[in-house]
Structures are given as structure tokens and as C-alpha cells.
PDB file of N, CA and C in Angstrom:
ATOM      1  N   MET A   1      85.716 102.737  15.978  1.00  0.00           N
ATOM      2  CA  MET A   1      86.773 103.412  15.262  1.00  0.00           C
ATOM      3  C   MET A   1      86.509 103.280  13.768  1.00  0.00           C
ATOM      4  N   LYS A   2      86.558 104.386  13.052  1.00  0.00           N
ATOM      5  CA  LYS A   2      86.318 104.385  11.617  1.00  0.00           C
ATOM      6  C   LYS A   2      87.644 104.470  10.870  1.00  0.00           C
ATOM      7  N   SER A   3      87.691 103.768   9.743  1.00  0.00           N
ATOM      8  CA  SER A   3      88.871 103.859   8.883  1.00  0.00           C
ATOM      9  C   SER A   3      88.748 105.104   8.021  1.00  0.00           C
ATOM     10  N   VAL A   4      89.847 105.733   7.811  1.00  0.00           N
ATOM     11  CA  VAL A   4      89.864 106.910   6.953  1.00  0.00           C
ATOM     12  C   VAL A   4      90.157 106.444   5.535  1.00  0.00           C
ATOM     13  N   ALA A   5      89.434 106.978   4.572  1.00  0.00           N
ATOM     14  CA  ALA A   5      89.658 106.630   3.165  1.00  0.00           C
ATOM     15  C   ALA A   5      91.050 107.081   2.759  1.00  0.00           C
ATOM     16  N   PRO A   6      91.731 106.270   1.953  1.00  0.00           N
ATOM     17  CA  PRO A   6      93.073 106.667   1.522  1.00  0.00           C
ATOM     18  C   PRO A   6      93.014 107.939   0.686  1.00  0.00           C
ATOM     19  N   GLY A   7      94.092 108.707   0.754  1.00  0.00           N
ATOM     20  CA  GLY A   7      94.170 109.937  -0.028  1.00  0.00           C
ATOM     21  C   GLY A   7      94.452 109.650  -1.489  1.00  0.00           C
ATOM     22  N   ARG A   8      94.508 110.684  -2.263  1.00  0.00           N
ATOM     23  CA  ARG A   8      94.808 110.556  -3.683  1.00  0.00           C
ATOM     24  C   ARG A   8      96.256 110.131  -3.871  1.00  0.00           C
ATOM     25  N   SER A   9      96.496 109.385  -4.928  1.00  0.00           N
ATOM     26  CA  SER A   9      97.855 108.964  -5.237  1.00  0.00           C
ATOM     27  C   SER A   9      98.687 110.180  -5.603  1.00  0.00           C
ATOM     28  N   THR A  10      99.914 110.228  -5.119  1.00  0.00           N
ATOM     29  CA  THR A  10     100.795 111.344  -5.459  1.00  0.00           C
ATOM     30  C   THR A  10     101.531 111.081  -6.771  1.00  0.00           C
ATOM     31  N   SER A  11     101.490 109.857  -7.248  1.00  0.00           N
ATOM     32  CA  SER A  11     102.143 109.493  -8.501  1.00  0.00           C
ATOM     33  C   SER A  11     101.090 109.343  -9.593  1.00  0.00           C
ATOM     34  N   PRO A  12     101.325 109.916 -10.772  1.00  0.00           N
ATOM     35  CA  PRO A  12     100.337 109.776 -11.844  1.00  0.00           C
ATOM     36  C   PRO A  12     100.256 108.341 -12.380  1.00  0.00           C
ATOM     37  N   VAL A  13     101.313 107.552 -12.188  1.00  0.00           N
ATOM     38  CA  VAL A  13     101.308 106.150 -12.612  1.00  0.00           C
ATOM     39  C   VAL A  13     102.121 105.344 -11.611  1.00  0.00           C
ATOM     40  N   GLU A  14     101.616 104.156 -11.308  1.00  0.00           N
ATOM     41  CA  GLU A  14     102.285 103.316 -10.318  1.00  0.00           C
ATOM     42  C   GLU A  14     101.993 101.850 -10.631  1.00  0.00           C
ATOM     43  N   VAL A  15     103.003 101.007 -10.479  1.00  0.00           N
ATOM     44  CA  VAL A  15     102.808  99.563 -10.581  1.00  0.00           C
ATOM     45  C   VAL A  15     102.367  99.103  -9.197  1.00  0.00           C
ATOM     46  N   THR A  16     101.170  98.496  -9.129  1.00  0.00           N
ATOM     47  CA  THR A  16     100.632  98.123  -7.823  1.00  0.00           C
ATOM     48  C   THR A  16     100.837  96.660  -7.478  1.00  0.00           C
ATOM     49  N   ASN A  17     101.071  95.811  -8.467  1.00  0.00           N
ATOM     50  CA  ASN A  17     101.264  94.385  -8.197  1.00  0.00           C
ATOM     51  C   ASN A  17     101.910  93.729  -9.410  1.00  0.00           C
ATOM     52  N   VAL A  18     102.720  92.720  -9.168  1.00  0.00           N
ATOM     53  CA  VAL A  18     103.352  91.945 -10.244  1.00  0.00           C
ATOM     54  C   VAL A  18     103.081  90.476  -9.963  1.00  0.00           C
ATOM     55  N   SER A  19     102.669  89.738 -10.983  1.00  0.00           N
ATOM     56  CA  SER A  19     102.436  88.302 -10.832  1.00  0.00           C
ATOM     57  C   SER A  19     103.152  87.575 -11.963  1.00  0.00           C
ATOM     58  N   THR A  20     103.015  86.271 -12.008  1.00  0.00           N
ATOM     59  CA  THR A  20     103.635  85.490 -13.083  1.00  0.00           C
ATOM     60  C   THR A  20     102.928  85.707 -14.417  1.00  0.00           C
ATOM     61  N   HIS A  21     101.745  86.311 -14.380  1.00  0.00           N
ATOM     62  CA  HIS A  21     100.969  86.538 -15.605  1.00  0.00           C
ATOM     63  C   HIS A  21     101.076  87.961 -16.140  1.00  0.00           C
ATOM     64  N   GLY A  22     101.557  88.883 -15.323  1.00  0.00           N
ATOM     65  CA  GLY A  22     101.656  90.271 -15.750  1.00  0.00           C
ATOM     66  C   GLY A  22     101.730  91.196 -14.550  1.00  0.00           C
ATOM     67  N   PHE A  23     101.367  92.453 -14.764  1.00  0.00           N
ATOM     68  CA  PHE A  23     101.389  93.414 -13.662  1.00  0.00           C
ATOM     69  C   PHE A  23     100.256  94.424 -13.816  1.00  0.00           C
ATOM     70  N   TRP A  24      99.918  95.051 -12.691  1.00  0.00           N
ATOM     71  CA  TRP A  24      98.841  96.021 -12.642  1.00  0.00           C
ATOM     72  C   TRP A  24      99.414  97.417 -12.561  1.00  0.00           C
ATOM     73  N   LEU A  25      98.870  98.306 -13.385  1.00  0.00           N
ATOM     74  CA  LEU A  25      99.251  99.711 -13.381  1.00  0.00           C
ATOM     75  C   LEU A  25      98.086 100.531 -12.844  1.00  0.00           C
ATOM     76  N   PHE A  26      98.368 101.423 -11.937  1.00  0.00           N
ATOM     77  CA  PHE A  26      97.366 102.362 -11.456  1.00  0.00           C
ATOM     78  C   PHE A  26      97.672 103.691 -12.131  1.00  0.00           C
ATOM     79  N   ILE A  27      96.754 104.126 -13.005  1.00  0.00           N
ATOM     80  CA  ILE A  27      96.932 105.371 -13.752  1.00  0.00           C
ATOM     81  C   ILE A  27      95.761 106.281 -13.404  1.00  0.00           C
ATOM     82  N   GLY A  28      96.040 107.363 -12.724  1.00  0.00           N
ATOM     83  CA  GLY A  28      94.965 108.262 -12.311  1.00  0.00           C
ATOM     84  C   GLY A  28      93.999 107.553 -11.381  1.00  0.00           C
ATOM     85  N   GLU A  29      92.789 107.359 -11.832  1.00  0.00           N
ATOM     86  CA  GLU A  29      91.741 106.723 -11.026  1.00  0.00           C
ATOM     87  C   GLU A  29      91.448 105.288 -11.471  1.00  0.00           C
ATOM     88  N   ARG A  30      92.220 104.736 -12.384  1.00  0.00           N
ATOM     89  CA  ARG A  30      91.913 103.390 -12.877  1.00  0.00           C
ATOM     90  C   ARG A  30      93.117 102.480 -12.802  1.00  0.00           C
ATOM     91  N   GLU A  31      92.817 101.198 -12.752  1.00  0.00           N
ATOM     92  CA  GLU A  31      93.859 100.177 -12.689  1.00  0.00           C
ATOM     93  C   GLU A  31      93.749  99.304 -13.932  1.00  0.00           C
ATOM     94  N   LEU A  32      94.876  99.093 -14.589  1.00  0.00           N
ATOM     95  CA  LEU A  32      94.925  98.290 -15.813  1.00  0.00           C
ATOM     96  C   LEU A  32      95.888  97.127 -15.616  1.00  0.00           C
ATOM     97  N   PHE A  33      95.562  95.994 -16.241  1.00  0.00           N
ATOM     98  CA  PHE A  33      96.435  94.827 -16.173  1.00  0.00           C
ATOM     99  C   PHE A  33      97.237  94.729 -17.460  1.00  0.00           C
ATOM    100  N   VAL A  34      98.540  94.567 -17.335  1.00  0.00           N
ATOM    101  CA  VAL A  34      99.445  94.405 -18.475  1.00  0.00           C
ATOM    102  C   VAL A  34      99.864  92.936 -18.487  1.00  0.00           C
ATOM    103  N   ALA A  35      99.264  92.176 -19.389  1.00  0.00           N
ATOM    104  CA  ALA A  35      99.533  90.733 -19.463  1.00  0.00           C
ATOM    105  C   ALA A  35     100.828  90.474 -20.227  1.00  0.00           C
ATOM    106  N   PHE A  36     101.666  89.595 -19.682  1.00  0.00           N
ATOM    107  CA  PHE A  36     102.911  89.244 -20.366  1.00  0.00           C
ATOM    108  C   PHE A  36     102.646  88.597 -21.721  1.00  0.00           C
ATOM    109  N   ARG A  37     101.522  87.895 -21.891  1.00  0.00           N
ATOM    110  CA  ARG A  37     101.234  87.276 -23.187  1.00  0.00           C
ATOM    111  C   ARG A  37     100.962  88.330 -24.258  1.00  0.00           C
ATOM    112  N   ASP A  38     100.449  89.501 -23.856  1.00  0.00           N
ATOM    113  CA  ASP A  38     100.201  90.583 -24.806  1.00  0.00           C
ATOM    114  C   ASP A  38     101.408  91.511 -24.956  1.00  0.00           C
ATOM    115  N   PHE A  39     102.217  91.600 -23.924  1.00  0.00           N
ATOM    116  CA  PHE A  39     103.377  92.496 -23.906  1.00  0.00           C
ATOM    117  C   PHE A  39     104.599  91.713 -23.414  1.00  0.00           C
ATOM    118  N   PRO A  40     105.091  90.781 -24.238  1.00  0.00           N
ATOM    119  CA  PRO A  40     106.114  89.820 -23.786  1.00  0.00           C
ATOM    120  C   PRO A  40     107.457  90.417 -23.423  1.00  0.00           C
ATOM    121  N   TRP A  41     107.786  91.617 -23.862  1.00  0.00           N
ATOM    122  CA  TRP A  41     109.106  92.163 -23.519  1.00  0.00           C
ATOM    123  C   TRP A  41     109.222  92.496 -22.038  1.00  0.00           C
ATOM    124  N   PHE A  42     108.107  92.526 -21.302  1.00  0.00           N
ATOM    125  CA  PHE A  42     108.157  92.741 -19.858  1.00  0.00           C
ATOM    126  C   PHE A  42     108.403  91.449 -19.084  1.00  0.00           C
ATOM    127  N   LYS A  43     108.171  90.313 -19.719  1.00  0.00           N
ATOM    128  CA  LYS A  43     108.216  89.029 -19.009  1.00  0.00           C
ATOM    129  C   LYS A  43     109.563  88.740 -18.354  1.00  0.00           C
ATOM    130  N   GLU A  44     110.653  89.048 -19.013  1.00  0.00           N
ATOM    131  CA  GLU A  44     111.986  88.774 -18.473  1.00  0.00           C
ATOM    132  C   GLU A  44     112.593  89.991 -17.783  1.00  0.00           C
ATOM    133  N   ALA A  45     111.856  91.089 -17.741  1.00  0.00           N
ATOM    134  CA  ALA A  45     112.367  92.310 -17.117  1.00  0.00           C
ATOM    135  C   ALA A  45     112.354  92.178 -15.594  1.00  0.00           C
ATOM    136  N   SER A  46     113.239  92.881 -14.948  1.00  0.00           N
ATOM    137  CA  SER A  46     113.261  92.870 -13.479  1.00  0.00           C
ATOM    138  C   SER A  46     112.066  93.670 -12.957  1.00  0.00           C
ATOM    139  N   ILE A  47     111.691  93.388 -11.731  1.00  0.00           N
ATOM    140  CA  ILE A  47     110.604  94.147 -11.114  1.00  0.00           C
ATOM    141  C   ILE A  47     111.011  95.617 -11.018  1.00  0.00           C
ATOM    142  N   ARG A  48     112.265  95.862 -10.734  1.00  0.00           N
ATOM    143  CA  ARG A  48     112.760  97.246 -10.673  1.00  0.00           C
ATOM    144  C   ARG A  48     112.521  97.967 -11.992  1.00  0.00           C
ATOM    145  N   ALA A  49     112.850  97.311 -13.112  1.00  0.00           N
ATOM    146  CA  ALA A  49     112.663  97.932 -14.425  1.00  0.00           C
ATOM    147  C   ALA A  49     111.175  98.142 -14.728  1.00  0.00           C
ATOM    148  N   ILE A  50     110.344  97.194 -14.344  1.00  0.00           N
ATOM    149  CA  ILE A  50     108.898  97.318 -14.584  1.00  0.00           C
ATOM    150  C   ILE A  50     108.310  98.463 -13.765  1.00  0.00           C
ATOM    151  N   THR A  51     108.772  98.626 -12.540  1.00  0.00           N
ATOM    152  CA  THR A  51     108.194  99.659 -11.677  1.00  0.00           C
ATOM    153  C   THR A  51     108.708 101.060 -11.980  1.00  0.00           C
ATOM    154  N   GLN A  52     109.754 101.178 -12.771  1.00  0.00           N
ATOM    155  CA  GLN A  52     110.279 102.492 -13.143  1.00  0.00           C
ATOM    156  C   GLN A  52     109.539 103.008 -14.379  1.00  0.00           C
ATOM    157  N   VAL A  53     108.255 103.272 -14.226  1.00  0.00           N
ATOM    158  CA  VAL A  53     107.414 103.712 -15.336  1.00  0.00           C
ATOM    159  C   VAL A  53     107.105 105.198 -15.200  1.00  0.00           C
ATOM    160  N   GLU A  54     107.043 105.865 -16.329  1.00  0.00           N
ATOM    161  CA  GLU A  54     106.754 107.300 -16.358  1.00  0.00           C
ATOM    162  C   GLU A  54     105.504 107.540 -17.194  1.00  0.00           C
ATOM    163  N   LEU A  55     104.834 108.660 -16.931  1.00  0.00           N
ATOM    164  CA  LEU A  55     103.649 109.069 -17.684  1.00  0.00           C
ATOM    165  C   LEU A  55     103.929 110.443 -18.294  1.00  0.00           C
ATOM    166  N   PRO A  56     104.635 110.477 -19.447  1.00  0.00           N
ATOM    167  CA  PRO A  56     104.987 111.765 -20.042  1.00  0.00           C
ATOM    168  C   PRO A  56     103.775 112.573 -20.507  1.00  0.00           C
ATOM    169  N   SER A  57     102.680 111.876 -20.828  1.00  0.00           N
ATOM    170  CA  SER A  57     101.419 112.534 -21.172  1.00  0.00           C
ATOM    171  C   SER A  57     100.288 111.625 -20.699  1.00  0.00           C
ATOM    172  N   PRO A  58      99.059 112.116 -20.620  1.00  0.00           N
ATOM    173  CA  PRO A  58      97.964 111.314 -20.058  1.00  0.00           C
ATOM    174  C   PRO A  58      97.699 109.987 -20.775  1.00  0.00           C
ATOM    175  N   HIS A  59      98.133 109.874 -22.017  1.00  0.00           N
ATOM    176  CA  HIS A  59      97.832 108.663 -22.787  1.00  0.00           C
ATOM    177  C   HIS A  59      99.083 107.924 -23.242  1.00  0.00           C
ATOM    178  N   HIS A  60     100.215 108.207 -22.592  1.00  0.00           N
ATOM    179  CA  HIS A  60     101.484 107.639 -23.037  1.00  0.00           C
ATOM    180  C   HIS A  60     102.307 107.210 -21.831  1.00  0.00           C
ATOM    181  N   LEU A  61     102.808 105.964 -21.864  1.00  0.00           N
ATOM    182  CA  LEU A  61     103.651 105.419 -20.797  1.00  0.00           C
ATOM    183  C   LEU A  61     105.045 105.147 -21.345  1.00  0.00           C
ATOM    184  N   TYR A  62     106.051 105.277 -20.479  1.00  0.00           N
ATOM    185  CA  TYR A  62     107.433 105.028 -20.895  1.00  0.00           C
ATOM    186  C   TYR A  62     108.202 104.349 -19.774  1.00  0.00           C
ATOM    187  N   TRP A  63     108.913 103.274 -20.122  1.00  0.00           N
ATOM    188  CA  TRP A  63     109.800 102.555 -19.199  1.00  0.00           C
ATOM    189  C   TRP A  63     111.227 102.820 -19.650  1.00  0.00           C
ATOM    190  N   PRO A  64     111.935 103.767 -19.022  1.00  0.00           N
ATOM    191  CA  PRO A  64     113.276 104.150 -19.484  1.00  0.00           C
ATOM    192  C   PRO A  64     114.303 103.026 -19.447  1.00  0.00           C
ATOM    193  N   GLU A  65     114.283 102.179 -18.426  1.00  0.00           N
ATOM    194  CA  GLU A  65     115.277 101.097 -18.352  1.00  0.00           C
ATOM    195  C   GLU A  65     115.072 100.061 -19.450  1.00  0.00           C
ATOM    196  N   LEU A  66     113.846  99.933 -19.936  1.00  0.00           N
ATOM    197  CA  LEU A  66     113.538  98.948 -20.977  1.00  0.00           C
ATOM    198  C   LEU A  66     113.412  99.590 -22.350  1.00  0.00           C
ATOM    199  N   ASP A  67     113.410 100.916 -22.392  1.00  0.00           N
ATOM    200  CA  ASP A  67     113.188 101.684 -23.613  1.00  0.00           C
ATOM    201  C   ASP A  67     111.895 101.225 -24.301  1.00  0.00           C
ATOM    202  N   VAL A  68     110.822 101.135 -23.518  1.00  0.00           N
ATOM    203  CA  VAL A  68     109.511 100.718 -24.023  1.00  0.00           C
ATOM    204  C   VAL A  68     108.553 101.892 -23.893  1.00  0.00           C
ATOM    205  N   ASP A  69     107.895 102.221 -25.003  1.00  0.00           N
ATOM    206  CA  ASP A  69     106.849 103.231 -25.051  1.00  0.00           C
ATOM    207  C   ASP A  69     105.539 102.541 -25.357  1.00  0.00           C
ATOM    208  N   LEU A  70     104.484 102.872 -24.627  1.00  0.00           N
ATOM    209  CA  LEU A  70     103.167 102.291 -24.897  1.00  0.00           C
ATOM    210  C   LEU A  70     102.092 103.350 -24.795  1.00  0.00           C
ATOM    211  N   ALA A  71     101.120 103.263 -25.679  1.00  0.00           N
ATOM    212  CA  ALA A  71      99.913 104.068 -25.540  1.00  0.00           C
ATOM    213  C   ALA A  71      99.033 103.364 -24.516  1.00  0.00           C
ATOM    214  N   VAL A  72      98.394 104.125 -23.646  1.00  0.00           N
ATOM    215  CA  VAL A  72      97.508 103.536 -22.644  1.00  0.00           C
ATOM    216  C   VAL A  72      96.426 102.718 -23.336  1.00  0.00           C
ATOM    217  N   GLU A  73      95.953 103.189 -24.478  1.00  0.00           N
ATOM    218  CA  GLU A  73      94.907 102.464 -25.209  1.00  0.00           C
ATOM    219  C   GLU A  73      95.364 101.060 -25.634  1.00  0.00           C
ATOM    220  N   SER A  74      96.649 100.880 -25.907  1.00  0.00           N
ATOM    221  CA  SER A  74      97.137  99.551 -26.300  1.00  0.00           C
ATOM    222  C   SER A  74      97.047  98.564 -25.146  1.00  0.00           C
ATOM    223  N   ILE A  75      97.073  99.062 -23.907  1.00  0.00           N
ATOM    224  CA  ILE A  75      96.895  98.190 -22.746  1.00  0.00           C
ATOM    225  C   ILE A  75      95.410  97.909 -22.544  1.00  0.00           C
ATOM    226  N   GLU A  76      94.599  98.939 -22.739  1.00  0.00           N
ATOM    227  CA  GLU A  76      93.152  98.776 -22.582  1.00  0.00           C
ATOM    228  C   GLU A  76      92.561  97.854 -23.645  1.00  0.00           C
ATOM    229  N   HIS A  77      93.095  97.922 -24.874  1.00  0.00           N
ATOM    230  CA  HIS A  77      92.569  97.142 -26.000  1.00  0.00           C
ATOM    231  C   HIS A  77      93.712  96.524 -26.810  1.00  0.00           C
ATOM    232  N   PRO A  78      94.421  95.522 -26.250  1.00  0.00           N
ATOM    233  CA  PRO A  78      95.556  94.941 -26.980  1.00  0.00           C
ATOM    234  C   PRO A  78      95.145  94.280 -28.296  1.00  0.00           C
ATOM    235  N   GLU A  79      93.903  93.870 -28.409  1.00  0.00           N
ATOM    236  CA  GLU A  79      93.433  93.246 -29.652  1.00  0.00           C
ATOM    237  C   GLU A  79      93.448  94.220 -30.837  1.00  0.00           C
ATOM    238  N   LYS A  80      93.438  95.517 -30.571  1.00  0.00           N
ATOM    239  CA  LYS A  80      93.502  96.526 -31.646  1.00  0.00           C
ATOM    240  C   LYS A  80      94.923  96.739 -32.139  1.00  0.00           C
ATOM    241  N   TYR A  81      95.898  96.151 -31.446  1.00  0.00           N
ATOM    242  CA  TYR A  81      97.311  96.345 -31.764  1.00  0.00           C
ATOM    243  C   TYR A  81      97.976  94.988 -31.987  1.00  0.00           C
ATOM    244  N   PRO A  82      97.653  94.322 -33.110  1.00  0.00           N
ATOM    245  CA  PRO A  82      98.153  92.957 -33.312  1.00  0.00           C
ATOM    246  C   PRO A  82      99.671  92.854 -33.383  1.00  0.00           C
ATOM    247  N   LEU A  83     100.364  93.887 -33.830  1.00  0.00           N
ATOM    248  CA  LEU A  83     101.831  93.807 -33.885  1.00  0.00           C
ATOM    249  C   LEU A  83     102.426  93.731 -32.485  1.00  0.00           C
ATOM    250  N   VAL A  84     101.779  94.350 -31.519  1.00  0.00           N
ATOM    251  CA  VAL A  84     102.254  94.299 -30.137  1.00  0.00           C
ATOM    252  C   VAL A  84     102.200  92.872 -29.626  1.00  0.00           C
ATOM    253  N   SER A  85     101.085  92.205 -29.855  1.00  0.00           N
ATOM    254  CA  SER A  85     100.887  90.884 -29.277  1.00  0.00           C
ATOM    255  C   SER A  85     101.761  89.819 -29.935  1.00  0.00           C
ATOM    256  N   GLN A  86     102.358  90.112 -31.097  1.00  0.00           N
ATOM    257  CA  GLN A  86     103.209  89.125 -31.748  1.00  0.00           C
ATOM    258  C   GLN A  86     104.689  89.332 -31.459  1.00  0.00           C
ATOM    259  N   ALA A  87     105.016  90.332 -30.666  1.00  0.00           N
ATOM    260  CA  ALA A  87     106.423  90.581 -30.307  1.00  0.00           C
ATOM    261  C   ALA A  87     106.920  89.469 -29.399  1.00  0.00           C
ATOM    262  N   ARG A  88     108.189  89.229 -29.429  1.00  0.00           N
ATOM    263  CA  ARG A  88     108.795  88.197 -28.590  1.00  0.00           C
ATOM    264  C   ARG A  88     109.696  88.863 -27.551  1.00  0.00           C
ATOM    265  N   SER A  89     109.840  88.191 -26.415  1.00  0.00           N
ATOM    266  CA  SER A  89     110.744  88.727 -25.403  1.00  0.00           C
ATOM    267  C   SER A  89     112.176  88.538 -25.879  1.00  0.00           C
ATOM    268  N   ASN A  90     113.079  89.321 -25.322  1.00  0.00           N
ATOM    269  CA  ASN A  90     114.483  89.264 -25.687  1.00  0.00           C
ATOM    270  C   ASN A  90     115.180  88.245 -24.788  1.00  0.00           C
ATOM    271  N   PRO A  91     115.539  87.061 -25.312  1.00  0.00           N
ATOM    272  CA  PRO A  91     116.163  86.050 -24.473  1.00  0.00           C
ATOM    273  C   PRO A  91     117.504  86.491 -23.895  1.00  0.00           C
ATOM    274  N   ALA A  92     118.161  87.448 -24.518  1.00  0.00           N
ATOM    275  CA  ALA A  92     119.449  87.922 -23.996  1.00  0.00           C
ATOM    276  C   ALA A  92     119.282  88.620 -22.658  1.00  0.00           C
ATOM    277  N   LEU A  93     118.072  89.134 -22.384  1.00  0.00           N
ATOM    278  CA  LEU A  93     117.822  89.803 -21.107  1.00  0.00           C
ATOM    279  C   LEU A  93     117.461  88.829 -19.996  1.00  0.00           C
ATOM    280  N   SER A  94     117.236  87.586 -20.363  1.00  0.00           N
ATOM    281  CA  SER A  94     116.819  86.578 -19.395  1.00  0.00           C
ATOM    282  C   SER A  94     117.936  86.288 -18.403  1.00  0.00           C
ATOM    283  N   PRO A  95     117.612  86.251 -17.106  1.00  0.00           N
ATOM    284  CA  PRO A  95     118.642  85.926 -16.106  1.00  0.00           C
ATOM    285  C   PRO A  95     119.249  84.547 -16.350  1.00  0.00           C
ATOM    286  N   THR A  96     118.441  83.578 -16.812  1.00  0.00           N
ATOM    287  CA  THR A  96     118.978  82.241 -17.068  1.00  0.00           C
ATOM    288  C   THR A  96     119.920  82.265 -18.256  1.00  0.00           C
ATOM    289  N   SER A  97     119.630  83.088 -19.253  1.00  0.00           N
ATOM    290  CA  SER A  97     120.512  83.204 -20.419  1.00  0.00           C
ATOM    291  C   SER A  97     121.855  83.807 -20.020  1.00  0.00           C
ATOM    292  N   ARG A  98     121.822  84.849 -19.190  1.00  0.00           N
ATOM    293  CA  ARG A  98     123.070  85.479 -18.743  1.00  0.00           C
ATOM    294  C   ARG A  98     123.890  84.511 -17.905  1.00  0.00           C
ATOM    295  N   ALA A  99     123.226  83.739 -17.042  1.00  0.00           N
ATOM    296  CA  ALA A  99     123.931  82.771 -16.195  1.00  0.00           C
ATOM    297  C   ALA A  99     124.554  81.673 -17.064  1.00  0.00           C
ATOM    298  N   ARG A 100     123.820  81.228 -18.066  1.00  0.00           N
ATOM    299  CA  ARG A 100     124.322  80.188 -18.972  1.00  0.00           C
ATOM    300  C   ARG A 100     125.567  80.685 -19.703  1.00  0.00           C
ATOM    301  N   LYS A 101     125.541  81.933 -20.181  1.00  0.00           N
ATOM    302  CA  LYS A 101     126.700  82.496 -20.883  1.00  0.00           C
ATOM    303  C   LYS A 101     127.904  82.603 -19.944  1.00  0.00           C
ATOM    304  N   ALA A 102     127.654  83.017 -18.694  1.00  0.00           N
ATOM    305  CA  ALA A 102     128.743  83.142 -17.724  1.00  0.00           C
ATOM    306  C   ALA A 102     129.366  81.778 -17.430  1.00  0.00           C
ATOM    307  N   ARG A 103     128.540  80.733 -17.290  1.00  0.00           N
ATOM    308  CA  ARG A 103     129.067  79.377 -17.048  1.00  0.00           C
ATOM    309  C   ARG A 103     129.886  78.897 -18.242  1.00  0.00           C
ATOM    310  N   ALA A 104     129.398  79.172 -19.456  1.00  0.00           N
ATOM    311  CA  ALA A 104     130.124  78.749 -20.652  1.00  0.00           C
ATOM    312  C   ALA A 104     131.481  79.442 -20.737  1.00  0.00           C
ATOM    313  N   LYS A 105     131.522  80.730 -20.395  1.00  0.00           N
ATOM    314  CA  LYS A 105     132.788  81.471 -20.403  1.00  0.00           C
ATOM    315  C   LYS A 105     133.754  80.895 -19.383  1.00  0.00           C
ATOM    316  N   SER A 106     133.223  80.593 -18.198  1.00  0.00           N
ATOM    317  CA  SER A 106     134.040  80.038 -17.128  1.00  0.00           C
ATOM    318  C   SER A 106     134.623  78.682 -17.529  1.00  0.00           C
ATOM    319  N   LYS A 107     133.810  77.826 -18.145  1.00  0.00           N
ATOM    320  CA  LYS A 107     134.288  76.511 -18.604  1.00  0.00           C
ATOM    321  C   LYS A 107     135.369  76.677 -19.657  1.00  0.00           C
ATOM    322  N   LYS A 108     135.163  77.624 -20.568  1.00  0.00           N
ATOM    323  CA  LYS A 108     136.130  77.868 -21.638  1.00  0.00           C
ATOM    324  C   LYS A 108     137.475  78.306 -21.050  1.00  0.00           C
ATOM    325  N   ARG A 109     137.426  79.183 -20.036  1.00  0.00           N
ATOM    326  CA  ARG A 109     138.659  79.652 -19.391  1.00  0.00           C
ATOM    327  C   ARG A 109     139.364  78.517 -18.683  1.00  0.00           C
ATOM    328  N   SER A 110     138.596  77.627 -17.983  1.00  0.00           N
ATOM    329  CA  SER A 110     139.257  76.522 -17.267  1.00  0.00           C
ATOM    330  C   SER A 110     139.855  75.530 -18.237  1.00  0.00           C
ATOM    331  N   ARG A 111     139.201  75.299 -19.370  1.00  0.00           N
ATOM    332  CA  ARG A 111     139.786  74.401 -20.385  1.00  0.00           C
ATOM    333  C   ARG A 111     141.082  74.979 -20.932  1.00  0.00           C
ATOM    334  N   ALA A 112     141.065  76.301 -21.183  1.00  0.00           N
ATOM    335  CA  ALA A 112     142.265  76.958 -21.717  1.00  0.00           C
ATOM    336  C   ALA A 112     143.400  76.920 -20.702  1.00  0.00           C
ATOM    337  N   ALA A 113     143.073  77.073 -19.433  1.00  0.00           N
ATOM    338  CA  ALA A 113     144.092  77.044 -18.375  1.00  0.00           C
ATOM    339  C   ALA A 113     144.715  75.653 -18.230  1.00  0.00           C
ATOM    340  N   ARG A 114     143.890  74.620 -18.475  1.00  0.00           N
ATOM    341  CA  ARG A 114     144.408  73.233 -18.359  1.00  0.00           C
ATOM    342  C   ARG A 114     145.284  72.862 -19.542  1.00  0.00           C
ATOM    343  N   GLY A 115     145.115  73.566 -20.638  1.00  0.00           N
ATOM    344  CA  GLY A 115     145.979  73.327 -21.777  1.00  0.00           C
ATOM    345  C   GLY A 115     145.420  72.408 -22.714  1.00  0.00           C
TER     346      GLY A 115
END
């Protein structure tokens, strides 16, 4: 029995894997790795937000839930884009930050209720 080669991707861009170090994008016929150390605003993003990527043009990617625009070349050669690599992730988007704020609010309400 012979295996049949997979068909062409129906999506022009697709996230194929996510790890603790970054994620892989399949664009056309090539796969690129997006490292969180080079693109830190993705580090605290949900997998859902990361996988909702669009390819408005052959050399431009857009993540609508994160409002992030990237040139494909910046992923291929992050060293050419030093401002990208110095960006910091938004701690307000962190699940631990949101949980911490919710606990603090809850404690404040219970203190107020106790008088």
C-alpha cells in the first residue's frame, strides 16, 4: 500500500505548531519559525489569537485579535529589524496578571464588606 502525498494547503498561511519557544507558520511552500524572544508580544497571547493569522498580501501578515502587523521578511531576518527584537510583551495581557487583579479586587470587596 502506498501513501498518497498530501495535497496543497487551502490556506495561504497557517500556524502549524506552537511551543514554549515560539510557533511555526506555513506560508505558501515554506515554514518559518516565529521565536518569542524576537517577537515577544506573542508570548502571552492565546493560541487562538496566534492561530488567527491573515495574509493580506504575499509579504505581509496580520493578527487581528492582537492588532499585530509583520512583514514576512522580519520573520525571516529578525536581525535586520532591531526595534522588533527590543519590544516587550504586554503584562496586562498575561493570564497571571489578570488573575492577580481579580484576586486583589475580590480581597478589596471582602474587606469593604467586613467593615
